[in-house]
Amino acid sequence: MIHGRNFRLKSEGKWGKFGFFTPRFVEAPDSTLAEQMALEDFRQSAKYLDLMGVTLNAEVDPPTLGGEDIEEVVRPAAPGQMPAGLALYPETSE
């Protein structure tokens, strides 16, 4: 599970800080490498690039990404299936 934090976004006409969760699945020999691979895969995704295109963070207050709840699972998706979306939540509103 990837957890994004501190994304400054506009929602319903108001700016605020948002976080999100999104699942990612990778094949890796251990959990450390799995986290790194999932984060890199997400950073290359259209969802992340679109999100960064509308995020207005200052250089001194960048958004962050991290892996959480890294577990070994049976591959759930068939090849070519669309990855899951982002479950956004408000951290603050301005």
N, C-alpha and C. Protein backbone atom coordinates (compact mmCIF):
# COMPACT_ATOMS: atom_id res chain seq x y z
N MET A 1 0.86 -1.17 0.00
CA MET A 1 0.00 0.00 0.00
C MET A 1 0.90 1.23 0.00
N ILE A 2 0.65 2.14 -0.92
CA ILE A 2 1.39 3.40 -0.96
C ILE A 2 0.56 4.46 -0.25
N HIS A 3 1.22 5.22 0.61
CA HIS A 3 0.58 6.30 1.35
C HIS A 3 1.24 7.62 0.93
N GLY A 4 0.45 8.48 0.29
CA GLY A 4 0.91 9.81 -0.08
C GLY A 4 0.41 10.80 0.95
N ARG A 5 1.24 11.78 1.27
CA ARG A 5 0.87 12.79 2.27
C ARG A 5 1.29 14.18 1.79
N ASN A 6 0.60 15.17 2.31
CA ASN A 6 0.98 16.57 2.14
C ASN A 6 0.86 17.07 0.69
N PHE A 7 -0.17 16.63 -0.01
CA PHE A 7 -0.41 17.11 -1.36
C PHE A 7 -1.35 18.31 -1.28
N ARG A 8 -0.90 19.48 -1.71
CA ARG A 8 -1.72 20.69 -1.68
C ARG A 8 -2.57 20.73 -2.95
N LEU A 9 -3.88 20.52 -2.77
CA LEU A 9 -4.81 20.41 -3.90
C LEU A 9 -6.03 21.28 -3.68
N LYS A 10 -6.70 21.59 -4.77
CA LYS A 10 -7.95 22.35 -4.71
C LYS A 10 -9.11 21.38 -4.84
N SER A 11 -10.05 21.45 -3.90
CA SER A 11 -11.23 20.60 -3.92
C SER A 11 -12.43 21.43 -3.52
N GLU A 12 -13.46 21.37 -4.34
CA GLU A 12 -14.69 22.13 -4.08
C GLU A 12 -14.38 23.61 -3.89
N GLY A 13 -13.46 24.13 -4.69
CA GLY A 13 -13.13 25.55 -4.66
C GLY A 13 -12.22 26.00 -3.53
N LYS A 14 -11.74 25.08 -2.70
CA LYS A 14 -10.87 25.43 -1.57
C LYS A 14 -9.58 24.63 -1.64
N TRP A 15 -8.49 25.29 -1.27
CA TRP A 15 -7.20 24.63 -1.21
C TRP A 15 -7.04 23.94 0.13
N GLY A 16 -6.40 22.80 0.10
CA GLY A 16 -6.13 22.08 1.34
C GLY A 16 -5.05 21.04 1.12
N LYS A 17 -4.60 20.47 2.21
CA LYS A 17 -3.61 19.39 2.16
C LYS A 17 -4.36 18.07 2.18
N PHE A 18 -3.96 17.18 1.27
CA PHE A 18 -4.61 15.88 1.14
C PHE A 18 -3.58 14.76 1.18
N GLY A 19 -4.04 13.63 1.63
CA GLY A 19 -3.25 12.42 1.58
C GLY A 19 -4.05 11.40 0.78
N PHE A 20 -3.44 10.26 0.50
CA PHE A 20 -4.14 9.20 -0.21
C PHE A 20 -3.49 7.86 0.05
N PHE A 21 -4.26 6.83 -0.24
CA PHE A 21 -3.77 5.46 -0.23
C PHE A 21 -4.05 4.87 -1.61
N THR A 22 -3.15 4.03 -2.09
CA THR A 22 -3.38 3.29 -3.33
C THR A 22 -2.59 1.99 -3.26
N PRO A 23 -3.22 0.87 -3.60
CA PRO A 23 -2.49 -0.39 -3.59
C PRO A 23 -1.64 -0.54 -4.84
N ARG A 24 -0.50 -1.19 -4.69
CA ARG A 24 0.36 -1.52 -5.83
C ARG A 24 0.91 -2.91 -5.59
N PHE A 25 1.08 -3.67 -6.68
CA PHE A 25 1.56 -5.04 -6.59
C PHE A 25 2.80 -5.18 -7.44
N VAL A 26 3.86 -5.76 -6.86
CA VAL A 26 5.12 -5.98 -7.57
C VAL A 26 5.65 -7.36 -7.18
N GLU A 27 6.52 -7.88 -8.01
CA GLU A 27 7.23 -9.12 -7.67
C GLU A 27 8.63 -8.74 -7.24
N ALA A 28 8.99 -9.12 -6.02
CA ALA A 28 10.30 -8.78 -5.46
C ALA A 28 10.74 -9.85 -4.47
N PRO A 29 12.04 -9.99 -4.26
CA PRO A 29 12.54 -11.03 -3.35
C PRO A 29 12.34 -10.72 -1.86
N ASP A 30 12.11 -9.43 -1.51
CA ASP A 30 11.90 -9.09 -0.10
C ASP A 30 11.07 -7.81 0.01
N SER A 31 10.62 -7.50 1.22
CA SER A 31 9.71 -6.37 1.43
C SER A 31 10.38 -5.02 1.17
N THR A 32 11.66 -4.88 1.44
CA THR A 32 12.34 -3.62 1.20
C THR A 32 12.39 -3.30 -0.28
N LEU A 33 12.77 -4.28 -1.07
CA LEU A 33 12.81 -4.09 -2.52
C LEU A 33 11.40 -3.93 -3.08
N ALA A 34 10.44 -4.64 -2.53
CA ALA A 34 9.05 -4.51 -2.98
C ALA A 34 8.57 -3.07 -2.79
N GLU A 35 8.87 -2.48 -1.65
CA GLU A 35 8.47 -1.08 -1.40
C GLU A 35 9.11 -0.15 -2.41
N GLN A 36 10.42 -0.29 -2.63
CA GLN A 36 11.12 0.57 -3.58
C GLN A 36 10.56 0.42 -4.99
N MET A 37 10.29 -0.81 -5.40
CA MET A 37 9.76 -1.06 -6.74
C MET A 37 8.35 -0.49 -6.90
N ALA A 38 7.52 -0.66 -5.88
CA ALA A 38 6.14 -0.15 -5.94
C ALA A 38 6.14 1.38 -6.00
N LEU A 39 7.00 2.02 -5.22
CA LEU A 39 7.07 3.48 -5.24
C LEU A 39 7.56 3.98 -6.60
N GLU A 40 8.56 3.33 -7.16
CA GLU A 40 9.07 3.75 -8.47
C GLU A 40 8.03 3.53 -9.55
N ASP A 41 7.32 2.39 -9.49
CA ASP A 41 6.26 2.12 -10.45
C ASP A 41 5.17 3.19 -10.36
N PHE A 42 4.79 3.56 -9.15
CA PHE A 42 3.76 4.59 -8.97
C PHE A 42 4.24 5.94 -9.48
N ARG A 43 5.49 6.28 -9.20
CA ARG A 43 6.02 7.57 -9.67
C ARG A 43 6.03 7.69 -11.20
N GLN A 44 6.02 6.57 -11.90
CA GLN A 44 6.00 6.57 -13.36
C GLN A 44 4.57 6.51 -13.91
N SER A 45 3.58 6.35 -13.05
CA SER A 45 2.19 6.17 -13.49
C SER A 45 1.54 7.48 -13.91
N ALA A 46 0.56 7.37 -14.78
CA ALA A 46 -0.21 8.54 -15.21
C ALA A 46 -0.94 9.18 -14.04
N LYS A 47 -1.44 8.37 -13.11
CA LYS A 47 -2.14 8.92 -11.94
C LYS A 47 -1.23 9.85 -11.13
N TYR A 48 -0.01 9.41 -10.88
CA TYR A 48 0.92 10.23 -10.10
C TYR A 48 1.31 11.48 -10.88
N LEU A 49 1.61 11.33 -12.16
CA LEU A 49 2.01 12.49 -12.96
C LEU A 49 0.88 13.50 -13.07
N ASP A 50 -0.36 13.02 -13.22
CA ASP A 50 -1.51 13.93 -13.23
C ASP A 50 -1.66 14.63 -11.88
N LEU A 51 -1.51 13.88 -10.80
CA LEU A 51 -1.62 14.46 -9.46
C LEU A 51 -0.57 15.54 -9.24
N MET A 52 0.67 15.26 -9.63
CA MET A 52 1.73 16.25 -9.46
C MET A 52 1.49 17.49 -10.32
N GLY A 53 0.77 17.32 -11.44
CA GLY A 53 0.45 18.45 -12.30
C GLY A 53 -0.52 19.44 -11.68
N VAL A 54 -1.32 19.00 -10.71
CA VAL A 54 -2.28 19.89 -10.06
C VAL A 54 -1.93 20.19 -8.61
N THR A 55 -0.84 19.64 -8.14
CA THR A 55 -0.39 19.88 -6.76
C THR A 55 0.43 21.16 -6.72
N LEU A 56 0.13 22.03 -5.75
CA LEU A 56 0.84 23.31 -5.63
C LEU A 56 1.56 23.42 -4.29
N ASN A 57 2.53 22.56 -4.07
CA ASN A 57 3.32 22.62 -2.85
C ASN A 57 4.52 23.54 -3.06
N ALA A 58 4.92 24.23 -1.97
CA ALA A 58 6.15 25.01 -1.99
C ALA A 58 7.34 24.05 -1.95
N GLU A 59 8.48 24.50 -2.45
CA GLU A 59 9.69 23.66 -2.45
C GLU A 59 10.06 23.21 -1.05
N VAL A 60 9.81 24.06 -0.05
CA VAL A 60 10.18 23.73 1.33
C VAL A 60 9.15 22.85 2.02
N ASP A 61 8.05 22.52 1.33
CA ASP A 61 6.97 21.71 1.90
C ASP A 61 6.47 20.69 0.87
N PRO A 62 7.35 19.79 0.40
CA PRO A 62 6.97 18.88 -0.68
C PRO A 62 6.04 17.75 -0.21
N PRO A 63 5.28 17.19 -1.14
CA PRO A 63 4.50 16.00 -0.80
C PRO A 63 5.44 14.81 -0.60
N THR A 64 4.96 13.79 0.12
CA THR A 64 5.78 12.62 0.38
C THR A 64 5.03 11.34 0.01
N LEU A 65 5.80 10.31 -0.30
CA LEU A 65 5.27 8.97 -0.59
C LEU A 65 6.00 7.96 0.27
N GLY A 66 5.28 6.95 0.72
CA GLY A 66 5.91 5.88 1.47
C GLY A 66 5.10 4.61 1.35
N GLY A 67 5.74 3.50 1.63
CA GLY A 67 5.06 2.21 1.61
C GLY A 67 4.56 1.86 2.99
N GLU A 68 3.38 1.26 3.07
CA GLU A 68 2.79 0.81 4.33
C GLU A 68 2.15 -0.56 4.11
N ASP A 69 2.08 -1.33 5.16
CA ASP A 69 1.40 -2.63 5.11
C ASP A 69 1.90 -3.48 3.95
N ILE A 70 3.19 -3.66 3.86
CA ILE A 70 3.78 -4.45 2.78
C ILE A 70 3.64 -5.92 3.15
N GLU A 71 2.92 -6.64 2.31
CA GLU A 71 2.64 -8.05 2.59
C GLU A 71 2.79 -8.87 1.33
N GLU A 72 3.13 -10.13 1.53
CA GLU A 72 3.16 -11.06 0.40
C GLU A 72 1.74 -11.53 0.12
N VAL A 73 1.34 -11.41 -1.14
CA VAL A 73 -0.01 -11.81 -1.55
C VAL A 73 0.06 -12.57 -2.86
N VAL A 74 -1.02 -13.27 -3.18
CA VAL A 74 -1.16 -13.90 -4.48
C VAL A 74 -1.48 -12.80 -5.48
N ARG A 75 -0.87 -12.86 -6.62
CA ARG A 75 -1.08 -11.82 -7.64
C ARG A 75 -2.58 -11.69 -7.94
N PRO A 76 -3.20 -10.51 -7.65
CA PRO A 76 -4.64 -10.36 -7.78
C PRO A 76 -5.14 -9.95 -9.15
N ALA A 77 -4.30 -9.34 -9.97
CA ALA A 77 -4.77 -8.76 -11.22
C ALA A 77 -4.23 -9.53 -12.42
N ALA A 78 -5.05 -9.62 -13.43
CA ALA A 78 -4.61 -10.21 -14.68
C ALA A 78 -3.73 -9.21 -15.41
N PRO A 79 -2.76 -9.67 -16.21
CA PRO A 79 -1.92 -8.74 -16.96
C PRO A 79 -2.77 -7.79 -17.79
N GLY A 80 -2.38 -6.51 -17.78
CA GLY A 80 -3.08 -5.51 -18.56
C GLY A 80 -4.25 -4.86 -17.83
N GLN A 81 -4.59 -5.35 -16.64
CA GLN A 81 -5.69 -4.76 -15.89
C GLN A 81 -5.27 -3.40 -15.33
N MET A 82 -6.20 -2.45 -15.30
CA MET A 82 -5.91 -1.11 -14.81
C MET A 82 -5.57 -1.14 -13.32
N PRO A 83 -4.57 -0.36 -12.88
CA PRO A 83 -4.26 -0.30 -11.45
C PRO A 83 -5.35 0.45 -10.69
N ALA A 84 -5.40 0.24 -9.40
CA ALA A 84 -6.40 0.88 -8.55
C ALA A 84 -6.21 2.40 -8.54
N GLY A 85 -7.27 3.10 -8.19
CA GLY A 85 -7.23 4.55 -8.10
C GLY A 85 -6.66 5.02 -6.77
N LEU A 86 -6.87 6.30 -6.49
CA LEU A 86 -6.38 6.90 -5.26
C LEU A 86 -7.55 7.12 -4.31
N ALA A 87 -7.40 6.72 -3.06
CA ALA A 87 -8.39 7.00 -2.03
C ALA A 87 -7.91 8.24 -1.28
N LEU A 88 -8.40 9.42 -1.71
CA LEU A 88 -7.98 10.69 -1.13
C LEU A 88 -8.69 10.96 0.19
N TYR A 89 -7.99 11.65 1.10
CA TYR A 89 -8.60 12.10 2.35
C TYR A 89 -8.02 13.47 2.69
N PRO A 90 -8.80 14.35 3.31
CA PRO A 90 -8.28 15.68 3.66
C PRO A 90 -7.39 15.60 4.90
N GLU A 91 -6.22 16.23 4.82
CA GLU A 91 -5.37 16.37 6.00
C GLU A 91 -5.72 17.68 6.70
N THR A 92 -5.90 18.74 5.90
CA THR A 92 -6.31 20.05 6.41
C THR A 92 -7.05 20.77 5.30
N SER A 93 -7.72 21.85 5.64
CA SER A 93 -8.28 22.74 4.63
C SER A 93 -7.89 24.15 5.00
N GLU A 94 -7.66 24.97 3.99
CA GLU A 94 -7.21 26.34 4.23
C GLU A 94 -8.33 27.31 3.97
